[in-house]
Amino acid sequence: MIFPALAFVQAKMDLWQLAGQLPQKLSNALTRGPAAIPLWAAFVWCLFLLYRKQGIKFLCLLTGLNDPYLIQSVVKKTDAAIQILLASLAVLPFFGLLNGTAGKELLRLGVLVPVFLLVHILIQASNLIFSSWYLSKRQVEVPAAFRVVVLSVLYFALGLLLLDLALGVNMLPVLATSTVLTAVLGLSLQDTLRNIFAGLTLTLEKSFKPGDWVNMQVDPNHTAIAQVVEIGWRSTKLRTRDNNVKIIPNASLIQNEVINYDSPTSTQGFVIEVPVSCKVEPKSVCEALENAAGSVAGVLKEPPAASWAREIRVDQIVYRLRFWLDGIQKQEETTSKVIQACWQQLETLQPDSEPEKK
């Protein structure tokens, strides 16, 4: 009975001694030794992990992005990658405690994950800010195919860089092969690529948008008036006045002259020429033409119609009449009504014919 009691007392004393030494050992572990830095680094990354959403919102506000919907979208888009990134950064310092070549190789491979995740987060956040915020504020639509191509190129370059830095893989053969392949594809798809970049230029410059009426040059001798239906990544669809759909390559729209009848406003002025006998007083003719144009439905009151004498001939004076319409959709029909009204007004001004001589 004595020996078990002594053993119990000795164990109890050892526990008390261990408990007394525990704060000192813990303090030494946190301030000295090879594990001190990894422990503190893991603690800091864990704090960042807990307050990651608040940190993202703070960074967005710091860069001037004060749109709550955009900040929420950025947090939702990048939250999973940020969690994995912070967790990997908390574990990564402990790889350096491993001895030998295996520890160094494991540490070098472990660096790949945080670097890839960090660049991935930056790419996704930039894409979201550029496409969903900046372009939407400017009312610009970039073709989805173009964004996919740009993102694919960025990720491909990132993969090659990580393989070169972390694994020491020689990328020159891969780059040479990809360069040759790119050259072959570029030559075979040069017309398609030209149209894609032309469509991107049209979208960014906002030369016209769906719904606008444009006058475009089909060939050196012909033009056509049509309404823009859709601006695609390769071609643009136009609807003519006869309700026919024209599909025009974007490169043709960039190279040829295009008149936008809806920019900056849809108010358009149209001019017709009217020859009138020299025997009629010019002032009366101008007033009659202006009144005729103002009486036609569809012709704008402001700015008012205006008429002036342009040319004098042997027995006629040529007058010009300018009137204004809201849009070009009914230009032909309204012009016809204006001409009819002008004829009716001028009929009252025509001089009586001379009496026949006996």
Protein backbone atom coordinates (compact mmCIF):
# COMPACT_ATOMS: atom_id res chain seq x y z
CA MET A 1 0.00 0.00 0.00
CA ILE A 2 2.93 2.34 0.67
CA PHE A 3 4.51 1.99 -2.80
CA PRO A 4 1.33 2.78 -4.79
CA ALA A 5 0.73 5.79 -2.57
CA LEU A 6 4.28 7.01 -3.10
CA ALA A 7 3.94 6.49 -6.89
CA PHE A 8 0.69 8.48 -6.89
CA VAL A 9 2.30 11.32 -4.93
CA GLN A 10 5.30 11.31 -7.28
CA ALA A 11 3.06 11.41 -10.38
CA LYS A 12 1.04 14.23 -8.86
CA MET A 13 4.21 16.19 -8.18
CA ASP A 14 5.40 15.60 -11.75
CA LEU A 15 2.10 16.90 -13.09
CA TRP A 16 2.32 19.99 -10.94
CA GLN A 17 5.88 20.52 -12.06
CA LEU A 18 4.86 20.07 -15.72
CA ALA A 19 1.96 22.47 -15.29
CA GLY A 20 4.32 25.02 -13.78
CA GLN A 21 6.76 24.64 -16.66
CA LEU A 22 4.02 24.73 -19.36
CA PRO A 23 3.74 28.55 -19.57
CA GLN A 24 7.51 28.84 -19.84
CA LYS A 25 7.69 26.15 -22.55
CA LEU A 26 4.79 27.77 -24.42
CA SER A 27 6.46 31.17 -24.16
CA ASN A 28 9.72 29.71 -25.46
CA ALA A 29 7.87 28.04 -28.34
CA LEU A 30 6.24 31.33 -29.33
CA THR A 31 9.33 33.48 -28.99
CA ARG A 32 12.28 31.20 -29.60
CA GLY A 33 13.11 28.23 -31.69
CA PRO A 34 12.37 27.35 -35.32
CA ALA A 35 8.60 26.96 -34.74
CA ALA A 36 8.06 30.51 -33.46
CA ILE A 37 7.74 32.23 -36.85
CA PRO A 38 5.47 29.56 -38.41
CA LEU A 39 3.17 29.67 -35.36
CA TRP A 40 2.80 33.44 -35.46
CA ALA A 41 2.37 33.39 -39.25
CA ALA A 42 -0.36 30.76 -38.95
CA PHE A 43 -2.07 32.86 -36.27
CA VAL A 44 -2.02 35.97 -38.48
CA TRP A 45 -3.36 34.12 -41.54
CA CYS A 46 -6.12 32.59 -39.42
CA LEU A 47 -7.14 36.09 -38.31
CA PHE A 48 -7.25 37.17 -41.94
CA LEU A 49 -9.35 34.09 -42.69
CA LEU A 50 -11.90 35.08 -40.06
CA TYR A 51 -12.17 38.67 -41.25
CA ARG A 52 -11.63 38.12 -44.98
CA LYS A 53 -14.97 39.60 -46.12
CA GLN A 54 -14.44 42.77 -44.14
CA GLY A 55 -10.94 43.00 -45.63
CA ILE A 56 -12.25 42.68 -49.20
CA LYS A 57 -14.84 45.39 -48.59
CA PHE A 58 -12.17 47.65 -47.11
CA LEU A 59 -9.88 47.16 -50.12
CA CYS A 60 -12.75 47.88 -52.52
CA LEU A 61 -13.60 51.10 -50.70
CA LEU A 62 -9.91 52.02 -50.54
CA THR A 63 -9.64 51.75 -54.35
CA GLY A 64 -12.75 53.87 -54.89
CA LEU A 65 -15.25 51.08 -55.59
CA ASN A 66 -18.17 52.15 -53.43
CA ASP A 67 -20.88 50.21 -55.25
CA PRO A 68 -22.45 47.81 -52.70
CA TYR A 69 -23.68 45.41 -55.40
CA LEU A 70 -20.23 45.28 -56.99
CA ILE A 71 -18.51 44.68 -53.64
CA GLN A 72 -20.95 41.87 -52.86
CA SER A 73 -20.30 40.33 -56.27
CA VAL A 74 -16.52 40.49 -55.78
CA VAL A 75 -16.80 38.86 -52.34
CA LYS A 76 -19.04 36.10 -53.67
CA LYS A 77 -16.84 35.47 -56.72
CA THR A 78 -13.52 35.26 -54.85
CA ASP A 79 -14.46 34.03 -51.35
CA ALA A 80 -13.74 30.32 -51.92
CA ALA A 81 -10.34 31.01 -53.52
CA ILE A 82 -9.44 33.42 -50.71
CA GLN A 83 -10.25 30.80 -48.05
CA ILE A 84 -8.00 28.23 -49.72
CA LEU A 85 -5.28 30.86 -50.19
CA LEU A 86 -5.24 31.91 -46.53
CA ALA A 87 -5.37 28.30 -45.30
CA SER A 88 -2.44 27.34 -47.54
CA LEU A 89 -0.45 30.37 -46.35
CA ALA A 90 -1.08 29.32 -42.73
CA VAL A 91 0.24 25.79 -43.41
CA LEU A 92 3.07 26.70 -45.77
CA PRO A 93 5.60 27.98 -43.15
CA PHE A 94 5.61 24.62 -41.38
CA PHE A 95 7.02 22.95 -44.52
CA GLY A 96 10.26 24.78 -43.82
CA LEU A 97 10.64 22.88 -40.54
CA LEU A 98 11.07 19.61 -42.43
CA ASN A 99 14.68 18.55 -42.76
CA GLY A 100 16.39 17.35 -45.88
CA THR A 101 15.73 17.69 -49.59
CA ALA A 102 12.15 16.46 -49.26
CA GLY A 103 11.23 19.45 -47.11
CA LYS A 104 12.73 21.92 -49.59
CA GLU A 105 10.98 20.31 -52.55
CA LEU A 106 7.69 20.21 -50.67
CA LEU A 107 8.07 23.88 -49.78
CA ARG A 108 8.82 24.83 -53.39
CA LEU A 109 5.80 22.91 -54.64
CA GLY A 110 3.67 24.37 -51.87
CA VAL A 111 4.42 27.89 -53.06
CA LEU A 112 2.61 27.10 -56.34
CA VAL A 113 -0.81 26.99 -54.70
CA PRO A 114 -0.77 30.47 -53.06
CA VAL A 115 0.76 32.11 -56.13
CA PHE A 116 -1.80 30.56 -58.47
CA LEU A 117 -4.69 31.41 -56.16
CA LEU A 118 -3.51 35.00 -55.70
CA VAL A 119 -3.25 35.61 -59.45
CA HIS A 120 -6.56 33.80 -59.98
CA ILE A 121 -8.28 36.11 -57.47
CA LEU A 122 -6.81 39.20 -59.13
CA ILE A 123 -7.87 38.04 -62.59
CA GLN A 124 -11.42 37.20 -61.51
CA ALA A 125 -11.86 40.42 -59.54
CA SER A 126 -10.47 42.53 -62.40
CA ASN A 127 -12.69 40.77 -64.93
CA LEU A 128 -15.75 41.33 -62.75
CA ILE A 129 -14.93 45.00 -62.14
CA PHE A 130 -14.12 45.69 -65.78
CA SER A 131 -16.99 43.79 -67.41
CA SER A 132 -19.78 44.22 -64.88
CA TRP A 133 -19.01 47.69 -63.54
CA TYR A 134 -16.83 49.82 -65.83
CA LEU A 135 -18.31 48.68 -69.15
CA SER A 136 -21.88 48.68 -67.83
CA LYS A 137 -21.46 52.28 -66.65
CA ARG A 138 -20.35 53.24 -70.14
CA GLN A 139 -23.12 51.09 -71.64
CA VAL A 140 -20.60 49.05 -73.61
CA GLU A 141 -21.03 45.37 -74.37
CA VAL A 142 -17.88 43.36 -75.02
CA PRO A 143 -18.44 40.05 -76.83
CA ALA A 144 -18.27 37.11 -74.45
CA ALA A 145 -16.00 35.22 -76.85
CA PHE A 146 -13.39 37.97 -76.60
CA ARG A 147 -13.38 37.87 -72.79
CA VAL A 148 -13.01 34.08 -72.86
CA VAL A 149 -10.03 34.35 -75.20
CA VAL A 150 -8.31 36.98 -73.03
CA LEU A 151 -8.85 34.98 -69.82
CA SER A 152 -7.60 31.79 -71.49
CA VAL A 153 -4.40 33.53 -72.60
CA LEU A 154 -3.82 34.91 -69.08
CA TYR A 155 -4.27 31.52 -67.43
CA PHE A 156 -2.08 29.83 -70.04
CA ALA A 157 0.71 32.35 -69.42
CA LEU A 158 0.28 31.91 -65.65
CA GLY A 159 0.59 28.14 -65.95
CA LEU A 160 3.77 28.39 -68.01
CA LEU A 161 5.30 30.84 -65.54
CA LEU A 162 4.55 28.64 -62.52
CA LEU A 163 5.95 25.56 -64.21
CA ASP A 164 9.12 27.44 -65.05
CA LEU A 165 9.62 28.97 -61.60
CA ALA A 166 8.61 26.07 -59.38
CA LEU A 167 9.54 22.98 -61.36
CA GLY A 168 12.26 24.35 -63.60
CA VAL A 169 10.52 23.00 -66.69
CA ASN A 170 12.00 24.38 -69.91
CA MET A 171 9.18 26.29 -71.60
CA LEU A 172 11.10 27.19 -74.77
CA PRO A 173 9.93 24.13 -76.78
CA VAL A 174 6.35 24.74 -75.64
CA LEU A 175 6.56 28.43 -76.53
CA ALA A 176 8.13 27.66 -79.89
CA THR A 177 5.39 25.17 -80.68
CA SER A 178 2.66 27.53 -79.50
CA THR A 179 4.19 30.38 -81.54
CA VAL A 180 4.15 28.32 -84.72
CA LEU A 181 0.61 27.16 -83.98
CA THR A 182 -0.48 30.72 -83.29
CA ALA A 183 1.05 31.92 -86.55
CA VAL A 184 -0.75 29.19 -88.51
CA LEU A 185 -4.06 29.94 -86.82
CA GLY A 186 -3.55 33.67 -87.29
CA LEU A 187 -3.00 33.28 -91.03
CA SER A 188 -5.96 30.96 -91.47
CA LEU A 189 -8.29 33.07 -89.32
CA GLN A 190 -7.05 36.53 -90.20
CA ASP A 191 -10.41 37.64 -91.63
CA THR A 192 -12.25 36.35 -88.57
CA LEU A 193 -9.78 38.01 -86.20
CA ARG A 194 -10.03 41.26 -88.13
CA ASN A 195 -13.82 41.20 -87.77
CA ILE A 196 -13.57 40.35 -84.06
CA PHE A 197 -11.28 43.28 -83.29
CA ALA A 198 -13.41 45.53 -85.50
CA GLY A 199 -16.48 44.51 -83.51
CA LEU A 200 -14.63 45.26 -80.28
CA THR A 201 -13.69 48.70 -81.63
CA LEU A 202 -17.30 49.42 -82.59
CA THR A 203 -18.45 48.39 -79.13
CA LEU A 204 -15.88 50.44 -77.22
CA GLU A 205 -16.21 53.54 -79.39
CA LYS A 206 -20.04 53.29 -79.33
CA SER A 207 -20.24 54.45 -82.94
CA PHE A 208 -23.78 53.10 -82.97
CA LYS A 209 -25.96 50.80 -80.91
CA PRO A 210 -28.90 48.45 -81.54
CA GLY A 211 -31.94 50.48 -82.57
CA ASP A 212 -29.99 53.23 -84.36
CA TRP A 213 -30.66 54.03 -88.01
CA VAL A 214 -27.49 54.29 -90.08
CA ASN A 215 -26.51 55.10 -93.64
CA MET A 216 -23.69 52.78 -94.64
CA GLN A 217 -21.65 52.41 -97.77
CA VAL A 218 -22.25 48.97 -99.25
CA ASP A 219 -19.83 49.47 -102.16
CA PRO A 220 -18.11 52.48 -103.78
CA ASN A 221 -21.27 53.35 -105.73
CA HIS A 222 -24.12 52.41 -103.40
CA THR A 223 -25.28 53.24 -99.89
CA ALA A 224 -28.08 51.74 -97.81
CA ILE A 225 -30.19 53.01 -94.92
CA ALA A 226 -30.94 50.40 -92.28
CA GLN A 227 -31.58 49.92 -88.55
CA VAL A 228 -28.99 48.21 -86.36
CA VAL A 229 -30.42 45.00 -84.92
CA GLU A 230 -27.42 43.36 -83.26
CA ILE A 231 -23.68 43.97 -83.01
CA GLY A 232 -22.06 40.54 -82.85
CA TRP A 233 -18.48 39.51 -82.24
CA ARG A 234 -17.93 38.89 -85.99
CA SER A 235 -20.71 40.70 -87.87
CA THR A 236 -23.51 43.23 -87.44
CA LYS A 237 -27.16 42.61 -88.37
CA LEU A 238 -29.05 45.46 -90.03
CA ARG A 239 -32.74 45.66 -90.98
CA THR A 240 -33.54 47.70 -94.10
CA ARG A 241 -36.68 49.70 -94.75
CA ASP A 242 -37.98 46.79 -96.80
CA ASN A 243 -37.69 44.60 -93.66
CA ASN A 244 -34.76 42.65 -95.07
CA VAL A 245 -31.88 41.70 -92.80
CA LYS A 246 -28.34 42.45 -93.94
CA ILE A 247 -25.39 40.77 -92.24
CA ILE A 248 -22.32 42.97 -92.64
CA PRO A 249 -18.80 41.97 -91.48
CA ASN A 250 -17.59 44.33 -88.78
CA ALA A 251 -14.41 45.10 -90.70
CA SER A 252 -16.51 46.60 -93.52
CA LEU A 253 -18.23 48.95 -91.08
CA ILE A 254 -14.87 50.11 -89.77
CA GLN A 255 -13.34 50.69 -93.19
CA ASN A 256 -16.30 52.43 -94.87
CA GLU A 257 -18.18 55.61 -94.02
CA VAL A 258 -21.21 55.20 -91.75
CA ILE A 259 -23.68 57.97 -90.90
CA ASN A 260 -25.60 57.52 -87.65
CA TYR A 261 -28.99 59.22 -87.86
CA ASP A 262 -29.62 58.78 -84.11
CA SER A 263 -26.41 60.38 -82.82
CA PRO A 264 -26.23 62.72 -81.04
CA THR A 265 -30.04 63.08 -81.44
CA SER A 266 -32.66 61.56 -83.70
CA THR A 267 -33.69 64.98 -85.08
CA GLN A 268 -32.75 65.07 -88.74
CA GLY A 269 -33.03 67.80 -91.38
CA PHE A 270 -34.01 67.02 -94.98
CA VAL A 271 -33.82 69.29 -98.02
CA ILE A 272 -35.82 69.24 -101.24
CA GLU A 273 -35.47 71.53 -104.28
CA VAL A 274 -38.50 73.18 -105.87
CA PRO A 275 -38.30 75.06 -109.19
CA VAL A 276 -40.83 77.89 -109.49
CA SER A 277 -41.55 80.35 -112.28
CA CYS A 278 -39.63 83.65 -112.18
CA LYS A 279 -42.90 85.55 -112.43
CA VAL A 280 -43.81 84.64 -108.80
CA GLU A 281 -42.44 86.83 -106.03
CA PRO A 282 -39.63 84.94 -104.16
CA LYS A 283 -40.78 86.07 -100.72
CA SER A 284 -44.27 84.67 -101.32
CA VAL A 285 -42.79 81.40 -102.58
CA CYS A 286 -40.61 80.95 -99.48
CA GLU A 287 -43.53 81.63 -97.16
CA ALA A 288 -45.73 79.21 -99.09
CA LEU A 289 -43.12 76.43 -98.93
CA GLU A 290 -42.56 76.94 -95.21
CA ASN A 291 -46.31 76.88 -94.51
CA ALA A 292 -46.71 73.76 -96.63
CA ALA A 293 -43.99 71.89 -94.74
CA GLY A 294 -45.37 73.00 -91.37
CA SER A 295 -48.83 71.68 -92.22
CA VAL A 296 -47.66 68.10 -92.79
CA ALA A 297 -48.04 65.65 -89.91
CA GLY A 298 -44.66 64.37 -88.74
CA VAL A 299 -42.71 67.52 -89.57
CA LEU A 300 -41.34 69.12 -86.40
CA LYS A 301 -42.44 72.59 -85.40
CA GLU A 302 -39.08 73.21 -83.73
CA PRO A 303 -36.78 73.84 -85.42
CA PRO A 304 -39.15 75.39 -87.97
CA ALA A 305 -39.00 74.71 -91.69
CA ALA A 306 -36.93 77.18 -93.70
CA SER A 307 -36.84 78.04 -97.40
CA TRP A 308 -34.53 80.15 -99.56
CA ALA A 309 -33.78 80.82 -103.21
CA ARG A 310 -30.74 78.93 -104.39
CA GLU A 311 -30.38 79.38 -108.14
CA ILE A 312 -31.91 81.48 -110.90
CA ARG A 313 -32.40 80.15 -114.40
CA VAL A 314 -33.84 81.54 -117.61
CA ASP A 315 -37.47 81.19 -116.62
CA GLN A 316 -37.30 79.61 -113.14
CA ILE A 317 -35.91 80.15 -109.70
CA VAL A 318 -34.81 77.03 -107.78
CA TYR A 319 -35.78 77.11 -104.10
CA ARG A 320 -34.60 74.89 -101.31
CA LEU A 321 -36.85 73.80 -98.46
CA ARG A 322 -35.41 72.32 -95.27
CA PHE A 323 -37.72 70.59 -92.78
CA TRP A 324 -37.00 68.49 -89.71
CA LEU A 325 -38.15 65.00 -88.69
CA ASP A 326 -37.80 62.98 -85.51
CA GLY A 327 -35.97 59.98 -86.96
CA ILE A 328 -35.57 58.70 -90.46
CA GLN A 329 -38.04 55.84 -90.35
CA LYS A 330 -40.78 57.67 -92.30
CA GLN A 331 -38.57 60.05 -94.23
CA GLU A 332 -39.70 58.91 -97.69
CA GLU A 333 -43.40 58.97 -96.82
CA THR A 334 -43.21 62.37 -95.11
CA THR A 335 -41.14 63.88 -97.93
CA SER A 336 -43.81 62.81 -100.40
CA LYS A 337 -46.50 64.53 -98.31
CA VAL A 338 -44.37 67.69 -98.10
CA ILE A 339 -44.01 67.78 -101.88
CA GLN A 340 -47.78 67.41 -102.32
CA ALA A 341 -48.45 70.21 -99.83
CA CYS A 342 -45.94 72.44 -101.61
CA TRP A 343 -47.63 71.85 -104.96
CA GLN A 344 -51.02 72.77 -103.48
CA GLN A 345 -49.62 75.96 -101.95
CA LEU A 346 -47.80 76.98 -105.11
CA GLU A 347 -50.89 76.45 -107.24
CA THR A 348 -52.46 79.47 -105.56
CA LEU A 349 -49.42 81.60 -106.39
CA GLN A 350 -49.10 80.75 -110.10
CA PRO A 351 -49.68 83.89 -112.27
CA ASP A 352 -52.67 83.91 -114.57
CA SER A 353 -51.83 83.06 -118.12
CA GLU A 354 -51.72 85.96 -120.60
CA PRO A 355 -54.89 86.44 -122.75
CA GLU A 356 -54.65 85.24 -126.30
CA LYS A 357 -54.06 87.98 -128.85
CA LYS A 358 -56.66 88.36 -131.57
